[in-house]
Amino acid sequence: MTEKKFPKDAMRVLKETSRTFYIPITFLEKDLKHSVASAYLILRAIDEIEDHEEINNDSKHQMLMEISELFKAPFDNEKYMQILSPLKDQLPEVTIRLNEWIEACPEKTRKIVMDASSEMAYGMAKWAKANWDVQTKEDLDDYTYYVAGLVGVMLSQLWDFCANVKTDRELAIGYGRGLQAVNILRNEQEDLEERGVSFVPDGWSRDDLFVYAEDNLAKADAYMKDINKKTILLFCRLPLALAHKSLKAMKNGREKISRAEVEETVEEIQQD
């Protein structure tokens, strides 16, 4: 499969799996665009295992731990297919085709992406085993680091490597955590009713969760100040603008922002 042909198919799957990140990824220049697109697909592939309703937590833990190890060496697709084999029919295209997303990643950035993917798979495995039982703020910080903060770190490494844009690691984690905290607020009822899972620390009210989201989004705003390259700034601004608007909507008692508001935000960001 040639590099020319493949990213086109990768972008198709990306568009089908992520409305939030597809558009900002298209703002990036070639190497970064292909690196971030394939990274998103790889992380989405393992996320689909973590979220799968038919897979029990012990199986999730084992699968994700094994996949975490696979990311540490030249990827062995045969072993990966063996790991998936008992559940292959239940998993989506993005997960089955993981090996292709790795191959699509530019070779020079692949190690950054694989290291982050290994760490995320490990963290997801750990939290699946614990049944996502968040009791303290430290637990919440740990969970949001693995599923989102480390994505911020990986992106910062890619900005530095490909474009010499240097950012603060803690603020990068805050960027990821802020987006994840907004997701947790939005899905709080659904997570509880459908999965029996709560990401809210013991003794916390919904207001405390809003404060947590706001504190991390403030770090995300500070993170943006280090970025002096327009294409990267555009990439980072859209998910952050949507997170701020979603938070505001939920504070006003709405479940989420409308499709029209999303489209309006995309236009605003593109025009700036």
C-alpha atoms as a PDB file:
ATOM      1  CA  MET A   1       0.000   0.000   0.000  1.00  0.00           C
ATOM      2  CA  THR A   2       1.651   3.230  -1.115  1.00  0.00           C
ATOM      3  CA  GLU A   3       1.967   6.205   1.185  1.00  0.00           C
ATOM      4  CA  LYS A   4       0.195   8.377  -1.379  1.00  0.00           C
ATOM      5  CA  LYS A   5      -2.880   6.199  -1.480  1.00  0.00           C
ATOM      6  CA  PHE A   6      -3.079   5.304   2.182  1.00  0.00           C
ATOM      7  CA  PRO A   7      -3.564   8.619   3.970  1.00  0.00           C
ATOM      8  CA  LYS A   8      -6.658   9.153   1.814  1.00  0.00           C
ATOM      9  CA  ASP A   9      -8.205   6.016   3.288  1.00  0.00           C
ATOM     10  CA  ALA A  10      -6.910   6.910   6.741  1.00  0.00           C
ATOM     11  CA  MET A  11      -8.610  10.297   6.436  1.00  0.00           C
ATOM     12  CA  ARG A  12     -11.866   8.568   5.458  1.00  0.00           C
ATOM     13  CA  VAL A  13     -11.810   6.401   8.598  1.00  0.00           C
ATOM     14  CA  LEU A  14     -10.741   9.422  10.658  1.00  0.00           C
ATOM     15  CA  LYS A  15     -13.683  11.433   9.360  1.00  0.00           C
ATOM     16  CA  GLU A  16     -16.041   8.567  10.240  1.00  0.00           C
ATOM     17  CA  THR A  17     -14.645   8.172  13.778  1.00  0.00           C
ATOM     18  CA  SER A  18     -14.041  11.768  14.869  1.00  0.00           C
ATOM     19  CA  ARG A  19     -16.012  14.868  14.113  1.00  0.00           C
ATOM     20  CA  THR A  20     -14.008  16.932  16.612  1.00  0.00           C
ATOM     21  CA  PHE A  21     -10.508  16.160  15.380  1.00  0.00           C
ATOM     22  CA  TYR A  22     -10.934  15.539  11.659  1.00  0.00           C
ATOM     23  CA  ILE A  23     -11.229  19.227  10.740  1.00  0.00           C
ATOM     24  CA  PRO A  24      -8.305  20.526  12.866  1.00  0.00           C
ATOM     25  CA  ILE A  25      -6.051  17.737  11.546  1.00  0.00           C
ATOM     26  CA  THR A  26      -6.688  18.988   8.000  1.00  0.00           C
ATOM     27  CA  PHE A  27      -5.211  22.380   9.029  1.00  0.00           C
ATOM     28  CA  LEU A  28      -1.778  20.826   9.660  1.00  0.00           C
ATOM     29  CA  GLU A  29       1.100  20.589   7.188  1.00  0.00           C
ATOM     30  CA  LYS A  30       1.865  17.223   5.564  1.00  0.00           C
ATOM     31  CA  ASP A  31       4.215  15.447   8.018  1.00  0.00           C
ATOM     32  CA  LEU A  32       2.323  16.653  11.049  1.00  0.00           C
ATOM     33  CA  LYS A  33      -1.023  15.961   9.396  1.00  0.00           C
ATOM     34  CA  HIS A  34      -0.081  12.335   8.675  1.00  0.00           C
ATOM     35  CA  SER A  35       1.545  11.889  12.092  1.00  0.00           C
ATOM     36  CA  VAL A  36      -1.422  13.248  14.041  1.00  0.00           C
ATOM     37  CA  ALA A  37      -4.016  11.509  11.841  1.00  0.00           C
ATOM     38  CA  SER A  38      -2.374   8.107  12.250  1.00  0.00           C
ATOM     39  CA  ALA A  39      -1.793   8.749  15.988  1.00  0.00           C
ATOM     40  CA  TYR A  40      -5.475   9.565  16.417  1.00  0.00           C
ATOM     41  CA  LEU A  41      -6.491   6.373  14.599  1.00  0.00           C
ATOM     42  CA  ILE A  42      -4.078   4.230  16.644  1.00  0.00           C
ATOM     43  CA  LEU A  43      -5.352   5.699  19.926  1.00  0.00           C
ATOM     44  CA  ARG A  44      -8.954   5.389  18.765  1.00  0.00           C
ATOM     45  CA  ALA A  45      -8.311   1.735  17.899  1.00  0.00           C
ATOM     46  CA  ILE A  46      -7.367   0.927  21.513  1.00  0.00           C
ATOM     47  CA  ASP A  47     -10.035   3.240  22.931  1.00  0.00           C
ATOM     48  CA  GLU A  48     -12.667   1.124  21.161  1.00  0.00           C
ATOM     49  CA  ILE A  49     -11.415  -1.888  23.165  1.00  0.00           C
ATOM     50  CA  GLU A  50     -11.554   0.050  26.448  1.00  0.00           C
ATOM     51  CA  ASP A  51     -15.112   1.273  25.732  1.00  0.00           C
ATOM     52  CA  HIS A  52     -16.519  -1.983  24.355  1.00  0.00           C
ATOM     53  CA  GLU A  53     -19.685  -3.042  26.162  1.00  0.00           C
ATOM     54  CA  GLU A  54     -19.379  -6.765  25.356  1.00  0.00           C
ATOM     55  CA  ILE A  55     -15.816  -7.219  26.661  1.00  0.00           C
ATOM     56  CA  ASN A  56     -15.408  -7.856  30.387  1.00  0.00           C
ATOM     57  CA  ASN A  57     -12.854  -5.874  32.386  1.00  0.00           C
ATOM     58  CA  ASP A  58     -10.403  -8.754  32.891  1.00  0.00           C
ATOM     59  CA  SER A  59     -10.297  -9.366  29.140  1.00  0.00           C
ATOM     60  CA  LYS A  60      -9.879  -5.639  28.484  1.00  0.00           C
ATOM     61  CA  HIS A  61      -7.018  -5.520  30.974  1.00  0.00           C
ATOM     62  CA  GLN A  62      -5.237  -8.477  29.420  1.00  0.00           C
ATOM     63  CA  MET A  63      -5.750  -7.338  25.812  1.00  0.00           C
ATOM     64  CA  LEU A  64      -4.614  -3.784  26.483  1.00  0.00           C
ATOM     65  CA  MET A  65      -1.553  -4.889  28.480  1.00  0.00           C
ATOM     66  CA  GLU A  66      -0.494  -7.182  25.635  1.00  0.00           C
ATOM     67  CA  ILE A  67      -1.069  -4.440  23.065  1.00  0.00           C
ATOM     68  CA  SER A  68       0.939  -1.999  25.219  1.00  0.00           C
ATOM     69  CA  GLU A  69       3.894  -4.408  24.963  1.00  0.00           C
ATOM     70  CA  LEU A  70       3.429  -4.803  21.187  1.00  0.00           C
ATOM     71  CA  PHE A  71       3.866  -1.039  20.757  1.00  0.00           C
ATOM     72  CA  LYS A  72       7.316  -1.247  22.380  1.00  0.00           C
ATOM     73  CA  ALA A  73       8.836  -3.324  19.568  1.00  0.00           C
ATOM     74  CA  PRO A  74       8.454  -3.383  15.785  1.00  0.00           C
ATOM     75  CA  PHE A  75       4.721  -4.054  15.632  1.00  0.00           C
ATOM     76  CA  ASP A  76       3.806  -7.721  15.180  1.00  0.00           C
ATOM     77  CA  ASN A  77       0.442  -7.735  13.429  1.00  0.00           C
ATOM     78  CA  GLU A  78       0.115 -11.521  13.644  1.00  0.00           C
ATOM     79  CA  LYS A  79       0.338 -11.367  17.438  1.00  0.00           C
ATOM     80  CA  TYR A  80      -2.090  -8.452  17.453  1.00  0.00           C
ATOM     81  CA  MET A  81      -4.625 -10.442  15.443  1.00  0.00           C
ATOM     82  CA  GLN A  82      -4.239 -13.344  17.903  1.00  0.00           C
ATOM     83  CA  ILE A  83      -5.015 -10.961  20.787  1.00  0.00           C
ATOM     84  CA  LEU A  84      -8.155  -9.752  18.983  1.00  0.00           C
ATOM     85  CA  SER A  85      -9.218 -13.162  17.650  1.00  0.00           C
ATOM     86  CA  PRO A  86     -11.838 -14.115  20.299  1.00  0.00           C
ATOM     87  CA  LEU A  87     -13.633 -10.787  19.744  1.00  0.00           C
ATOM     88  CA  LYS A  88     -12.658  -9.873  16.217  1.00  0.00           C
ATOM     89  CA  ASP A  89     -16.236  -9.896  14.893  1.00  0.00           C
ATOM     90  CA  GLN A  90     -17.347  -7.411  17.523  1.00  0.00           C
ATOM     91  CA  LEU A  91     -14.619  -4.816  16.930  1.00  0.00           C
ATOM     92  CA  PRO A  92     -14.815  -1.874  14.498  1.00  0.00           C
ATOM     93  CA  GLU A  93     -12.713  -1.275  11.397  1.00  0.00           C
ATOM     94  CA  VAL A  94     -10.513   1.289  13.136  1.00  0.00           C
ATOM     95  CA  THR A  95      -9.364  -1.374  15.662  1.00  0.00           C
ATOM     96  CA  ILE A  96      -8.924  -4.228  13.179  1.00  0.00           C
ATOM     97  CA  ARG A  97      -6.762  -2.089  10.883  1.00  0.00           C
ATOM     98  CA  LEU A  98      -4.393  -0.802  13.597  1.00  0.00           C
ATOM     99  CA  ASN A  99      -1.321  -2.117  11.779  1.00  0.00           C
ATOM    100  CA  GLU A 100      -2.180   0.005   8.739  1.00  0.00           C
ATOM    101  CA  TRP A 101      -2.406   3.174  10.819  1.00  0.00           C
ATOM    102  CA  ILE A 102       1.061   2.444  12.233  1.00  0.00           C
ATOM    103  CA  GLU A 103       2.434   1.966   8.722  1.00  0.00           C
ATOM    104  CA  ALA A 104       0.809   5.229   7.618  1.00  0.00           C
ATOM    105  CA  CYS A 105       2.628   7.174  10.329  1.00  0.00           C
ATOM    106  CA  PRO A 106       5.744   8.880   8.937  1.00  0.00           C
ATOM    107  CA  GLU A 107       8.773   6.877  10.007  1.00  0.00           C
ATOM    108  CA  LYS A 108      10.522   9.831  11.620  1.00  0.00           C
ATOM    109  CA  THR A 109       7.655  10.468  14.062  1.00  0.00           C
ATOM    110  CA  ARG A 110       6.591   6.870  14.606  1.00  0.00           C
ATOM    111  CA  LYS A 111       8.529   6.359  17.848  1.00  0.00           C
ATOM    112  CA  ILE A 112       6.827   9.356  19.494  1.00  0.00           C
ATOM    113  CA  VAL A 113       3.405   7.979  18.512  1.00  0.00           C
ATOM    114  CA  MET A 114       4.192   4.374  19.510  1.00  0.00           C
ATOM    115  CA  ASP A 115       5.568   5.391  22.921  1.00  0.00           C
ATOM    116  CA  ALA A 116       2.415   7.392  23.677  1.00  0.00           C
ATOM    117  CA  SER A 117       0.205   4.548  22.417  1.00  0.00           C
ATOM    118  CA  SER A 118       2.003   2.031  24.636  1.00  0.00           C
ATOM    119  CA  GLU A 119       1.591   4.277  27.673  1.00  0.00           C
ATOM    120  CA  MET A 120      -2.086   4.888  26.952  1.00  0.00           C
ATOM    121  CA  ALA A 121      -2.836   1.176  26.460  1.00  0.00           C
ATOM    122  CA  TYR A 122      -1.130   0.479  29.808  1.00  0.00           C
ATOM    123  CA  GLY A 123      -3.148   3.197  31.574  1.00  0.00           C
ATOM    124  CA  MET A 124      -6.422   2.045  30.030  1.00  0.00           C
ATOM    125  CA  ALA A 125      -5.640  -1.534  31.078  1.00  0.00           C
ATOM    126  CA  LYS A 126      -4.965  -0.392  34.641  1.00  0.00           C
ATOM    127  CA  TRP A 127      -8.229   1.541  34.856  1.00  0.00           C
ATOM    128  CA  ALA A 128     -10.285  -1.229  33.227  1.00  0.00           C
ATOM    129  CA  LYS A 129      -8.991  -3.615  35.902  1.00  0.00           C
ATOM    130  CA  ALA A 130      -9.999  -1.077  38.589  1.00  0.00           C
ATOM    131  CA  ASN A 131     -13.451  -0.745  36.949  1.00  0.00           C
ATOM    132  CA  TRP A 132     -12.753   2.991  36.578  1.00  0.00           C
ATOM    133  CA  ASP A 133     -13.306   3.387  40.315  1.00  0.00           C
ATOM    134  CA  VAL A 134     -12.306   7.035  40.835  1.00  0.00           C
ATOM    135  CA  GLN A 135     -12.293   7.900  44.543  1.00  0.00           C
ATOM    136  CA  THR A 136      -9.953  10.887  44.870  1.00  0.00           C
ATOM    137  CA  LYS A 137      -8.758  13.877  42.839  1.00  0.00           C
ATOM    138  CA  GLU A 138      -5.444  11.992  42.421  1.00  0.00           C
ATOM    139  CA  ASP A 139      -7.383   9.107  40.838  1.00  0.00           C
ATOM    140  CA  LEU A 140      -9.153  11.519  38.499  1.00  0.00           C
ATOM    141  CA  ASP A 141      -5.838  13.153  37.576  1.00  0.00           C
ATOM    142  CA  ASP A 142      -4.323   9.734  36.890  1.00  0.00           C
ATOM    143  CA  TYR A 143      -7.224   8.583  34.709  1.00  0.00           C
ATOM    144  CA  THR A 144      -7.453  11.857  32.752  1.00  0.00           C
ATOM    145  CA  TYR A 145      -3.672  11.828  32.257  1.00  0.00           C
ATOM    146  CA  TYR A 146      -3.724   8.395  30.624  1.00  0.00           C
ATOM    147  CA  VAL A 147      -6.704   8.979  28.345  1.00  0.00           C
ATOM    148  CA  ALA A 148      -6.075  12.621  27.413  1.00  0.00           C
ATOM    149  CA  GLY A 149      -3.190  14.402  29.144  1.00  0.00           C
ATOM    150  CA  LEU A 150      -0.610  12.186  27.520  1.00  0.00           C
ATOM    151  CA  VAL A 151      -2.137  12.990  24.117  1.00  0.00           C
ATOM    152  CA  GLY A 152      -1.275  16.620  24.903  1.00  0.00           C
ATOM    153  CA  VAL A 153       2.293  15.549  25.716  1.00  0.00           C
ATOM    154  CA  MET A 154       2.577  13.507  22.495  1.00  0.00           C
ATOM    155  CA  LEU A 155       1.286  16.417  20.407  1.00  0.00           C
ATOM    156  CA  SER A 156       3.795  18.758  22.062  1.00  0.00           C
ATOM    157  CA  GLN A 157       6.606  16.341  21.188  1.00  0.00           C
ATOM    158  CA  LEU A 158       5.367  16.298  17.579  1.00  0.00           C
ATOM    159  CA  TRP A 159       5.170  20.131  17.445  1.00  0.00           C
ATOM    160  CA  ASP A 160       8.754  20.318  18.715  1.00  0.00           C
ATOM    161  CA  PHE A 161      10.107  17.593  16.426  1.00  0.00           C
ATOM    162  CA  CYS A 162       8.373  18.681  13.213  1.00  0.00           C
ATOM    163  CA  ALA A 163       8.102  22.458  13.643  1.00  0.00           C
ATOM    164  CA  ASN A 164      10.472  23.426  16.477  1.00  0.00           C
ATOM    165  CA  VAL A 165       7.503  24.729  18.507  1.00  0.00           C
ATOM    166  CA  LYS A 166       8.279  24.346  22.218  1.00  0.00           C
ATOM    167  CA  THR A 167       5.511  24.133  24.811  1.00  0.00           C
ATOM    168  CA  ASP A 168       5.205  23.463  28.545  1.00  0.00           C
ATOM    169  CA  ARG A 169       4.589  19.808  29.477  1.00  0.00           C
ATOM    170  CA  GLU A 170       2.268  20.514  32.432  1.00  0.00           C
ATOM    171  CA  LEU A 171       0.176  22.911  30.374  1.00  0.00           C
ATOM    172  CA  ALA A 172       0.001  20.301  27.583  1.00  0.00           C
ATOM    173  CA  ILE A 173      -1.377  17.800  30.124  1.00  0.00           C
ATOM    174  CA  GLY A 174      -3.873  20.455  31.288  1.00  0.00           C
ATOM    175  CA  TYR A 175      -5.008  20.902  27.679  1.00  0.00           C
ATOM    176  CA  GLY A 176      -5.822  17.199  27.357  1.00  0.00           C
ATOM    177  CA  ARG A 177      -7.324  16.973  30.841  1.00  0.00           C
ATOM    178  CA  GLY A 178      -9.540  19.983  30.228  1.00  0.00           C
ATOM    179  CA  LEU A 179     -11.099  18.429  27.120  1.00  0.00           C
ATOM    180  CA  GLN A 180     -11.573  15.123  28.946  1.00  0.00           C
ATOM    181  CA  ALA A 181     -13.157  16.800  31.985  1.00  0.00           C
ATOM    182  CA  VAL A 182     -15.751  18.405  29.686  1.00  0.00           C
ATOM    183  CA  ASN A 183     -16.478  14.932  28.218  1.00  0.00           C
ATOM    184  CA  ILE A 184     -16.867  13.491  31.725  1.00  0.00           C
ATOM    185  CA  LEU A 185     -19.371  16.234  32.632  1.00  0.00           C
ATOM    186  CA  ARG A 186     -21.296  15.700  29.399  1.00  0.00           C
ATOM    187  CA  ASN A 187     -21.452  11.901  29.777  1.00  0.00           C
ATOM    188  CA  GLU A 188     -21.852  11.704  33.568  1.00  0.00           C
ATOM    189  CA  GLN A 189     -25.419  10.318  33.552  1.00  0.00           C
ATOM    190  CA  GLU A 190     -24.833   8.011  30.604  1.00  0.00           C
ATOM    191  CA  ASP A 191     -21.649   6.538  32.141  1.00  0.00           C
ATOM    192  CA  LEU A 192     -23.508   5.859  35.376  1.00  0.00           C
ATOM    193  CA  GLU A 193     -26.682   4.435  33.812  1.00  0.00           C
ATOM    194  CA  GLU A 194     -25.156   2.415  30.971  1.00  0.00           C
ATOM    195  CA  ARG A 195     -21.781   1.364  32.391  1.00  0.00           C
ATOM    196  CA  GLY A 196     -22.257   1.754  36.152  1.00  0.00           C
ATOM    197  CA  VAL A 197     -19.142   3.931  36.173  1.00  0.00           C
ATOM    198  CA  SER A 198     -18.562   7.313  37.806  1.00  0.00           C
ATOM    199  CA  PHE A 199     -15.472   9.443  37.240  1.00  0.00           C
ATOM    200  CA  VAL A 200     -16.517  11.822  40.021  1.00  0.00           C
ATOM    201  CA  PRO A 201     -14.310  11.594  43.144  1.00  0.00           C
ATOM    202  CA  ASP A 202     -16.017  10.702  46.444  1.00  0.00           C
ATOM    203  CA  GLY A 203     -17.583  13.734  48.112  1.00  0.00           C
ATOM    204  CA  TRP A 204     -17.437  15.857  44.956  1.00  0.00           C
ATOM    205  CA  SER A 205     -20.493  17.647  43.608  1.00  0.00           C
ATOM    206  CA  ARG A 206     -21.054  18.410  39.933  1.00  0.00           C
ATOM    207  CA  ASP A 207     -19.872  21.954  40.740  1.00  0.00           C
ATOM    208  CA  ASP A 208     -16.504  20.570  41.863  1.00  0.00           C
ATOM    209  CA  LEU A 209     -16.211  18.826  38.512  1.00  0.00           C
ATOM    210  CA  PHE A 210     -16.935  22.133  36.752  1.00  0.00           C
ATOM    211  CA  VAL A 211     -14.112  23.763  38.747  1.00  0.00           C
ATOM    212  CA  TYR A 212     -11.770  20.903  37.780  1.00  0.00           C
ATOM    213  CA  ALA A 213     -12.654  21.389  34.100  1.00  0.00           C
ATOM    214  CA  GLU A 214     -12.225  25.181  34.336  1.00  0.00           C
ATOM    215  CA  ASP A 215      -8.831  24.909  36.068  1.00  0.00           C
ATOM    216  CA  ASN A 216      -7.535  22.617  33.348  1.00  0.00           C
ATOM    217  CA  LEU A 217      -9.018  24.671  30.511  1.00  0.00           C
ATOM    218  CA  ALA A 218      -7.202  27.694  32.016  1.00  0.00           C
ATOM    219  CA  LYS A 219      -3.971  25.690  31.638  1.00  0.00           C
ATOM    220  CA  ALA A 220      -5.009  24.914  28.066  1.00  0.00           C
ATOM    221  CA  ASP A 221      -5.463  28.644  27.391  1.00  0.00           C
ATOM    222  CA  ALA A 222      -1.979  29.286  28.817  1.00  0.00           C
ATOM    223  CA  TYR A 223      -0.579  26.434  26.676  1.00  0.00           C
ATOM    224  CA  MET A 224      -1.763  28.220  23.533  1.00  0.00           C
ATOM    225  CA  LYS A 225       0.421  31.248  24.304  1.00  0.00           C
ATOM    226  CA  ASP A 226       3.599  29.243  23.579  1.00  0.00           C
ATOM    227  CA  ILE A 227       2.464  28.303  20.070  1.00  0.00           C
ATOM    228  CA  ASN A 228       3.679  30.688  17.364  1.00  0.00           C
ATOM    229  CA  LYS A 229       2.939  28.606  14.259  1.00  0.00           C
ATOM    230  CA  LYS A 230      -0.432  29.341  12.690  1.00  0.00           C
ATOM    231  CA  THR A 231      -1.319  25.830  11.456  1.00  0.00           C
ATOM    232  CA  ILE A 232      -0.632  24.303  14.893  1.00  0.00           C
ATOM    233  CA  LEU A 233      -2.499  27.147  16.609  1.00  0.00           C
ATOM    234  CA  LEU A 234      -5.523  26.505  14.375  1.00  0.00           C
ATOM    235  CA  PHE A 235      -5.361  22.789  15.203  1.00  0.00           C
ATOM    236  CA  CYS A 236      -5.314  23.425  18.955  1.00  0.00           C
ATOM    237  CA  ARG A 237      -7.887  26.219  18.999  1.00  0.00           C
ATOM    238  CA  LEU A 238     -10.875  24.346  17.594  1.00  0.00           C
ATOM    239  CA  PRO A 239     -11.208  21.524  20.188  1.00  0.00           C
ATOM    240  CA  LEU A 240     -10.490  24.072  22.944  1.00  0.00           C
ATOM    241  CA  ALA A 241     -13.130  26.527  21.684  1.00  0.00           C
ATOM    242  CA  LEU A 242     -15.677  23.683  21.491  1.00  0.00           C
ATOM    243  CA  ALA A 243     -14.776  22.592  25.052  1.00  0.00           C
ATOM    244  CA  HIS A 244     -15.243  26.141  26.409  1.00  0.00           C
ATOM    245  CA  LYS A 245     -18.599  26.482  24.638  1.00  0.00           C
ATOM    246  CA  SER A 246     -19.770  23.043  25.812  1.00  0.00           C
ATOM    247  CA  LEU A 247     -18.853  23.884  29.405  1.00  0.00           C
ATOM    248  CA  LYS A 248     -20.750  27.152  29.225  1.00  0.00           C
ATOM    249  CA  ALA A 249     -23.803  25.409  27.732  1.00  0.00           C
ATOM    250  CA  MET A 250     -23.819  22.779  30.505  1.00  0.00           C
ATOM    251  CA  LYS A 251     -23.500  25.499  33.157  1.00  0.00           C
ATOM    252  CA  ASN A 252     -26.633  27.031  31.646  1.00  0.00           C
ATOM    253  CA  GLY A 253     -28.436  23.698  32.001  1.00  0.00           C
ATOM    254  CA  ARG A 254     -28.103  22.498  28.413  1.00  0.00           C
ATOM    255  CA  GLU A 255     -26.868  19.000  27.691  1.00  0.00           C
ATOM    256  CA  LYS A 256     -24.488  20.026  24.883  1.00  0.00           C
ATOM    257  CA  ILE A 257     -23.968  22.573  22.136  1.00  0.00           C
ATOM    258  CA  SER A 258     -25.914  22.233  18.896  1.00  0.00           C
ATOM    259  CA  ARG A 259     -24.576  21.086  15.556  1.00  0.00           C
ATOM    260  CA  ALA A 260     -25.084  24.650  14.259  1.00  0.00           C
ATOM    261  CA  GLU A 261     -22.932  26.035  17.103  1.00  0.00           C
ATOM    262  CA  VAL A 262     -20.204  23.517  16.236  1.00  0.00           C
ATOM    263  CA  GLU A 263     -20.269  24.617  12.585  1.00  0.00           C
ATOM    264  CA  GLU A 264     -20.291  28.282  13.596  1.00  0.00           C
ATOM    265  CA  THR A 265     -17.214  27.694  15.807  1.00  0.00           C
ATOM    266  CA  VAL A 266     -15.378  25.936  12.955  1.00  0.00           C
ATOM    267  CA  GLU A 267     -16.054  28.957  10.714  1.00  0.00           C
ATOM    268  CA  GLU A 268     -14.923  31.429  13.392  1.00  0.00           C
ATOM    269  CA  ILE A 269     -11.630  29.566  13.901  1.00  0.00           C
ATOM    270  CA  GLN A 270     -10.965  29.298  10.158  1.00  0.00           C
ATOM    271  CA  GLN A 271     -11.602  32.999   9.593  1.00  0.00           C
ATOM    272  CA  ASP A 272      -9.254  34.265  12.312  1.00  0.00           C
END
